[in-house]
Protein backbone atom coordinates (compact mmCIF):
# COMPACT_ATOMS: atom_id res chain seq x y z
CA MET A 1 -0.03 0.03 -0.01
CA THR A 2 1.26 3.35 -0.80
CA LEU A 3 0.60 6.09 1.48
CA THR A 4 -0.72 9.61 0.61
CA TRP A 5 1.20 12.21 2.62
CA ARG A 6 -0.32 15.61 3.56
CA THR A 7 1.15 18.72 5.37
CA ALA A 8 -0.72 19.14 8.67
CA SER A 9 -0.71 20.28 12.20
CA VAL A 10 -1.17 17.39 14.84
CA GLU A 11 -2.57 17.48 18.48
CA LEU A 12 -2.77 14.49 20.58
CA VAL A 13 -4.98 13.40 23.28
CA GLU A 14 -3.48 13.66 26.94
CA GLY A 15 -0.96 10.85 27.81
CA TYR A 16 0.21 10.44 24.17
CA LEU A 17 3.42 11.71 22.69
CA LEU A 18 5.05 12.06 19.46
CA THR A 19 8.57 13.18 18.37
CA GLY A 20 8.82 16.84 18.19
CA PRO A 21 11.02 18.86 15.71
CA ASP A 22 13.93 19.06 18.17
CA GLY A 23 13.69 15.50 18.91
CA THR A 24 11.78 15.59 22.28
CA PRO A 25 8.38 14.53 22.93
CA ALA A 26 5.42 16.86 22.04
CA THR A 27 1.79 16.59 22.43
CA ARG A 28 1.39 19.05 19.49
CA VAL A 29 3.25 20.22 16.45
CA GLU A 30 2.37 22.97 13.98
CA ARG A 31 3.89 21.32 11.06
CA ALA A 32 4.31 17.61 10.24
CA ARG A 33 3.49 15.20 7.11
CA VAL A 34 0.85 12.91 7.92
CA ALA A 35 -0.52 9.80 6.15
CA PHE A 36 -3.49 7.42 7.05
CA GLU A 37 -3.43 3.56 7.06
CA GLY A 38 -6.40 1.78 8.70
CA GLY A 39 -6.89 3.08 12.20
CA PHE A 40 -3.40 4.52 12.39
CA ALA A 41 -1.71 7.99 11.38
CA HIS A 42 1.91 8.00 10.39
CA VAL A 43 3.26 11.21 11.53
CA GLU A 44 6.67 12.68 10.34
CA VAL A 45 7.86 15.97 12.04
CA PRO A 46 10.47 17.85 10.08
CA GLY A 47 13.65 17.77 11.89
CA SER A 48 12.81 14.77 14.27
CA GLY A 49 14.25 12.13 11.88
CA ASN A 50 11.19 9.57 12.97
CA VAL A 51 8.08 8.62 11.49
CA ASP A 52 5.79 8.10 14.37
CA VAL A 53 2.78 5.72 13.95
CA LEU A 54 -0.17 6.56 16.21
CA SER A 55 -3.33 4.73 16.74
CA ALA A 56 -6.68 6.69 16.11
CA PRO A 57 -7.44 7.07 19.88
CA ALA A 58 -4.17 9.01 20.44
CA ILE A 59 -5.16 11.81 18.04
CA ARG A 60 -7.26 14.73 19.22
CA LEU A 61 -7.25 16.73 15.99
CA ILE A 62 -5.28 16.84 12.45
CA THR A 63 -5.84 19.67 10.41
CA TYR A 64 -4.85 19.99 6.66
CA ARG A 65 -5.83 21.83 3.70
CA SER A 66 -7.47 19.97 1.15
CA GLU A 67 -5.78 20.06 -2.37
CA GLY A 68 -8.59 21.70 -4.18
CA SER A 69 -10.71 24.72 -3.06
CA CYS A 70 -14.24 24.00 -2.37
CA ALA A 71 -17.14 26.49 -2.56
CA VAL A 72 -19.48 26.84 0.42
């Protein structure tokens, strides 16, 4: 399976951590590459050197812009 990556901000539920841009644990990052597979999110924070794989219950919010514009 080929992952589709998007640039997004990521916020985790209390008690979960991912690798921040400086390599230390973080609960929120403003910019990351994310891809979804089943019930998991792959998260790569620039500068961290890691791809963290998080289960869906760990994620509070992932925000990214759609590739196209949509009229509302």
